Amino acid sequence: MKTLRSMHLPVDRRRALRLVAVGAGVVTLVPGPGHAQQQAHEEAKKTKEAVHYRYKPKDGNTCSACVNFIPETDCKKVEGPIDPGGWCELWTAPEVLPD
Protein backbone atom coordinates (compact mmCIF):
# COMPACT_ATOMS: atom_id res chain seq x y z
CA MET A 1 0.00 0.00 0.00
CA LYS A 2 1.38 3.38 -0.98
CA THR A 3 1.33 6.27 1.43
CA LEU A 4 1.75 9.93 0.65
CA ARG A 5 5.30 9.80 1.95
CA SER A 6 6.22 6.90 -0.30
CA MET A 7 4.65 8.51 -3.37
CA HIS A 8 7.07 10.82 -5.10
CA LEU A 9 5.33 13.27 -7.37
CA PRO A 10 7.54 15.05 -9.88
CA VAL A 11 7.47 18.80 -9.29
CA ASP A 12 7.89 21.06 -12.26
CA ARG A 13 9.86 23.97 -10.80
CA ARG A 14 8.63 26.49 -13.38
CA ARG A 15 5.00 25.56 -12.79
CA ALA A 16 5.43 25.77 -9.02
CA LEU A 17 7.03 29.22 -9.29
CA ARG A 18 4.22 30.43 -11.56
CA LEU A 19 1.58 29.22 -9.12
CA VAL A 20 3.32 30.97 -6.23
CA ALA A 21 3.63 34.20 -8.25
CA VAL A 22 -0.02 34.14 -9.31
CA GLY A 23 -1.14 33.41 -5.75
CA ALA A 24 0.90 36.31 -4.41
CA GLY A 25 -0.56 38.60 -7.07
CA VAL A 26 -4.12 37.65 -6.15
CA VAL A 27 -3.46 38.29 -2.47
CA THR A 28 -2.02 41.71 -3.34
CA LEU A 29 -5.05 42.67 -5.42
CA VAL A 30 -7.66 41.73 -2.81
CA PRO A 31 -8.38 44.75 -0.59
CA GLY A 32 -8.72 44.25 3.14
CA PRO A 33 -11.98 44.66 5.08
CA GLY A 34 -11.07 48.18 6.17
CA HIS A 35 -10.90 49.31 2.55
CA ALA A 36 -14.51 48.35 1.85
CA GLN A 37 -15.75 50.14 4.96
CA GLN A 38 -13.79 53.28 4.13
CA GLN A 39 -15.03 53.27 0.54
CA ALA A 40 -18.65 52.84 1.65
CA HIS A 41 -18.24 55.68 4.12
CA GLU A 42 -16.80 57.99 1.46
CA GLU A 43 -19.54 57.15 -1.04
CA ALA A 44 -22.32 57.61 1.50
CA LYS A 45 -21.34 61.13 2.62
CA LYS A 46 -22.45 63.96 0.32
CA THR A 47 -21.40 67.59 0.27
CA LYS A 48 -23.63 70.22 1.82
CA GLU A 49 -24.09 71.80 -1.60
CA ALA A 50 -25.24 68.50 -3.15
CA VAL A 51 -28.02 68.09 -0.57
CA HIS A 52 -29.00 71.80 -0.51
CA TYR A 53 -27.98 72.10 3.13
CA ARG A 54 -29.04 75.24 4.96
CA TYR A 55 -28.36 76.51 8.45
CA LYS A 56 -32.02 77.03 9.35
CA PRO A 57 -35.02 74.70 9.71
CA LYS A 58 -37.51 74.01 6.94
CA ASP A 59 -41.16 73.59 7.89
CA GLY A 60 -40.07 73.04 11.50
CA ASN A 61 -37.75 70.15 10.57
CA THR A 62 -34.16 70.29 11.84
CA CYS A 63 -31.08 68.11 11.58
CA SER A 64 -31.34 67.26 15.28
CA ALA A 65 -34.75 65.65 14.61
CA CYS A 66 -33.49 63.62 11.61
CA VAL A 67 -32.66 59.90 11.77
CA ASN A 68 -29.28 60.63 10.15
CA PHE A 69 -28.18 63.08 12.85
CA ILE A 70 -25.26 62.06 15.07
CA PRO A 71 -25.02 64.33 18.14
CA GLU A 72 -23.42 66.88 18.53
CA THR A 73 -22.61 68.07 14.98
CA ASP A 74 -22.32 65.07 12.65
CA CYS A 75 -24.51 63.34 10.08
CA LYS A 76 -24.51 59.85 8.58
CA LYS A 77 -25.06 61.25 5.08
CA VAL A 78 -23.57 64.77 4.94
CA GLU A 79 -19.88 65.70 5.11
CA GLY A 80 -18.39 67.91 7.76
CA PRO A 81 -19.86 69.42 10.88
CA ILE A 82 -23.50 70.37 10.67
CA ASP A 83 -25.72 72.68 12.67
CA PRO A 84 -28.34 70.76 14.70
CA GLY A 85 -30.79 73.52 13.76
CA GLY A 86 -30.07 73.14 10.03
CA TRP A 87 -31.85 71.14 7.33
CA CYS A 88 -31.13 69.37 4.01
CA GLU A 89 -33.10 67.45 1.40
CA LEU A 90 -32.03 64.13 2.94
CA TRP A 91 -33.97 64.96 6.11
CA THR A 92 -35.84 61.85 7.27
CA ALA A 93 -38.30 61.70 10.13
CA PRO A 94 -37.64 59.11 12.82
CA GLU A 95 -39.85 56.05 12.64
CA VAL A 96 -42.60 56.15 15.23
CA LEU A 97 -43.44 52.73 16.62
CA PRO A 98 -47.07 52.07 17.58
CA ASP A 99 -47.80 51.33 21.22
C-alpha atoms as a PDB file:
ATOM      1  CA  MET A   1       0.000   0.000   0.000  1.00  0.00           C
ATOM      2  CA  LYS A   2       1.376   3.383  -0.982  1.00  0.00           C
ATOM      3  CA  THR A   3       1.333   6.271   1.427  1.00  0.00           C
ATOM      4  CA  LEU A   4       1.749   9.931   0.651  1.00  0.00           C
ATOM      5  CA  ARG A   5       5.299   9.797   1.954  1.00  0.00           C
ATOM      6  CA  SER A   6       6.216   6.903  -0.302  1.00  0.00           C
ATOM      7  CA  MET A   7       4.652   8.512  -3.374  1.00  0.00           C
ATOM      8  CA  HIS A   8       7.070  10.821  -5.098  1.00  0.00           C
ATOM      9  CA  LEU A   9       5.328  13.271  -7.374  1.00  0.00           C
ATOM     10  CA  PRO A  10       7.542  15.049  -9.879  1.00  0.00           C
ATOM     11  CA  VAL A  11       7.468  18.802  -9.294  1.00  0.00           C
ATOM     12  CA  ASP A  12       7.890  21.062 -12.259  1.00  0.00           C
ATOM     13  CA  ARG A  13       9.856  23.969 -10.801  1.00  0.00           C
ATOM     14  CA  ARG A  14       8.630  26.492 -13.383  1.00  0.00           C
ATOM     15  CA  ARG A  15       5.002  25.556 -12.790  1.00  0.00           C
ATOM     16  CA  ALA A  16       5.429  25.766  -9.020  1.00  0.00           C
ATOM     17  CA  LEU A  17       7.028  29.216  -9.294  1.00  0.00           C
ATOM     18  CA  ARG A  18       4.223  30.428 -11.565  1.00  0.00           C
ATOM     19  CA  LEU A  19       1.581  29.218  -9.116  1.00  0.00           C
ATOM     20  CA  VAL A  20       3.318  30.974  -6.231  1.00  0.00           C
ATOM     21  CA  ALA A  21       3.626  34.197  -8.254  1.00  0.00           C
ATOM     22  CA  VAL A  22      -0.024  34.136  -9.313  1.00  0.00           C
ATOM     23  CA  GLY A  23      -1.141  33.406  -5.755  1.00  0.00           C
ATOM     24  CA  ALA A  24       0.903  36.308  -4.405  1.00  0.00           C
ATOM     25  CA  GLY A  25      -0.563  38.598  -7.067  1.00  0.00           C
ATOM     26  CA  VAL A  26      -4.115  37.654  -6.153  1.00  0.00           C
ATOM     27  CA  VAL A  27      -3.460  38.289  -2.471  1.00  0.00           C
ATOM     28  CA  THR A  28      -2.017  41.706  -3.338  1.00  0.00           C
ATOM     29  CA  LEU A  29      -5.053  42.667  -5.417  1.00  0.00           C
ATOM     30  CA  VAL A  30      -7.655  41.728  -2.808  1.00  0.00           C
ATOM     31  CA  PRO A  31      -8.382  44.750  -0.589  1.00  0.00           C
ATOM     32  CA  GLY A  32      -8.717  44.252   3.141  1.00  0.00           C
ATOM     33  CA  PRO A  33     -11.978  44.661   5.084  1.00  0.00           C
ATOM     34  CA  GLY A  34     -11.071  48.183   6.166  1.00  0.00           C
ATOM     35  CA  HIS A  35     -10.895  49.310   2.546  1.00  0.00           C
ATOM     36  CA  ALA A  36     -14.506  48.350   1.853  1.00  0.00           C
ATOM     37  CA  GLN A  37     -15.752  50.136   4.965  1.00  0.00           C
ATOM     38  CA  GLN A  38     -13.787  53.280   4.131  1.00  0.00           C
ATOM     39  CA  GLN A  39     -15.032  53.274   0.545  1.00  0.00           C
ATOM     40  CA  ALA A  40     -18.655  52.838   1.649  1.00  0.00           C
ATOM     41  CA  HIS A  41     -18.236  55.683   4.124  1.00  0.00           C
ATOM     42  CA  GLU A  42     -16.802  57.994   1.459  1.00  0.00           C
ATOM     43  CA  GLU A  43     -19.538  57.148  -1.043  1.00  0.00           C
ATOM     44  CA  ALA A  44     -22.317  57.612   1.499  1.00  0.00           C
ATOM     45  CA  LYS A  45     -21.342  61.126   2.619  1.00  0.00           C
ATOM     46  CA  LYS A  46     -22.451  63.956   0.323  1.00  0.00           C
ATOM     47  CA  THR A  47     -21.401  67.589   0.265  1.00  0.00           C
ATOM     48  CA  LYS A  48     -23.627  70.215   1.821  1.00  0.00           C
ATOM     49  CA  GLU A  49     -24.085  71.802  -1.597  1.00  0.00           C
ATOM     50  CA  ALA A  50     -25.242  68.503  -3.147  1.00  0.00           C
ATOM     51  CA  VAL A  51     -28.017  68.091  -0.566  1.00  0.00           C
ATOM     52  CA  HIS A  52     -28.995  71.795  -0.507  1.00  0.00           C
ATOM     53  CA  TYR A  53     -27.977  72.095   3.129  1.00  0.00           C
ATOM     54  CA  ARG A  54     -29.040  75.236   4.956  1.00  0.00           C
ATOM     55  CA  TYR A  55     -28.364  76.512   8.446  1.00  0.00           C
ATOM     56  CA  LYS A  56     -32.017  77.026   9.355  1.00  0.00           C
ATOM     57  CA  PRO A  57     -35.017  74.697   9.711  1.00  0.00           C
ATOM     58  CA  LYS A  58     -37.512  74.006   6.938  1.00  0.00           C
ATOM     59  CA  ASP A  59     -41.158  73.585   7.894  1.00  0.00           C
ATOM     60  CA  GLY A  60     -40.071  73.036  11.499  1.00  0.00           C
ATOM     61  CA  ASN A  61     -37.754  70.153  10.569  1.00  0.00           C
ATOM     62  CA  THR A  62     -34.163  70.290  11.838  1.00  0.00           C
ATOM     63  CA  CYS A  63     -31.084  68.105  11.582  1.00  0.00           C
ATOM     64  CA  SER A  64     -31.338  67.261  15.276  1.00  0.00           C
ATOM     65  CA  ALA A  65     -34.750  65.649  14.609  1.00  0.00           C
ATOM     66  CA  CYS A  66     -33.493  63.622  11.607  1.00  0.00           C
ATOM     67  CA  VAL A  67     -32.663  59.896  11.768  1.00  0.00           C
ATOM     68  CA  ASN A  68     -29.284  60.629  10.149  1.00  0.00           C
ATOM     69  CA  PHE A  69     -28.181  63.081  12.855  1.00  0.00           C
ATOM     70  CA  ILE A  70     -25.263  62.056  15.074  1.00  0.00           C
ATOM     71  CA  PRO A  71     -25.016  64.326  18.141  1.00  0.00           C
ATOM     72  CA  GLU A  72     -23.418  66.885  18.527  1.00  0.00           C
ATOM     73  CA  THR A  73     -22.615  68.070  14.981  1.00  0.00           C
ATOM     74  CA  ASP A  74     -22.323  65.075  12.654  1.00  0.00           C
ATOM     75  CA  CYS A  75     -24.514  63.345  10.083  1.00  0.00           C
ATOM     76  CA  LYS A  76     -24.510  59.849   8.581  1.00  0.00           C
ATOM     77  CA  LYS A  77     -25.056  61.253   5.083  1.00  0.00           C
ATOM     78  CA  VAL A  78     -23.572  64.772   4.938  1.00  0.00           C
ATOM     79  CA  GLU A  79     -19.877  65.702   5.108  1.00  0.00           C
ATOM     80  CA  GLY A  80     -18.391  67.913   7.759  1.00  0.00           C
ATOM     81  CA  PRO A  81     -19.857  69.418  10.882  1.00  0.00           C
ATOM     82  CA  ILE A  82     -23.503  70.369  10.675  1.00  0.00           C
ATOM     83  CA  ASP A  83     -25.724  72.682  12.668  1.00  0.00           C
ATOM     84  CA  PRO A  84     -28.339  70.756  14.695  1.00  0.00           C
ATOM     85  CA  GLY A  85     -30.789  73.520  13.761  1.00  0.00           C
ATOM     86  CA  GLY A  86     -30.066  73.143  10.030  1.00  0.00           C
ATOM     87  CA  TRP A  87     -31.847  71.143   7.329  1.00  0.00           C
ATOM     88  CA  CYS A  88     -31.126  69.365   4.013  1.00  0.00           C
ATOM     89  CA  GLU A  89     -33.100  67.450   1.397  1.00  0.00           C
ATOM     90  CA  LEU A  90     -32.031  64.129   2.942  1.00  0.00           C
ATOM     91  CA  TRP A  91     -33.966  64.957   6.112  1.00  0.00           C
ATOM     92  CA  THR A  92     -35.844  61.851   7.273  1.00  0.00           C
ATOM     93  CA  ALA A  93     -38.302  61.698  10.134  1.00  0.00           C
ATOM     94  CA  PRO A  94     -37.640  59.105  12.820  1.00  0.00           C
ATOM     95  CA  GLU A  95     -39.854  56.048  12.637  1.00  0.00           C
ATOM     96  CA  VAL A  96     -42.602  56.152  15.231  1.00  0.00           C
ATOM     97  CA  LEU A  97     -43.436  52.734  16.622  1.00  0.00           C
ATOM     98  CA  PRO A  98     -47.066  52.068  17.582  1.00  0.00           C
ATOM     99  CA  ASP A  99     -47.802  51.327  21.225  1.00  0.00           C
END
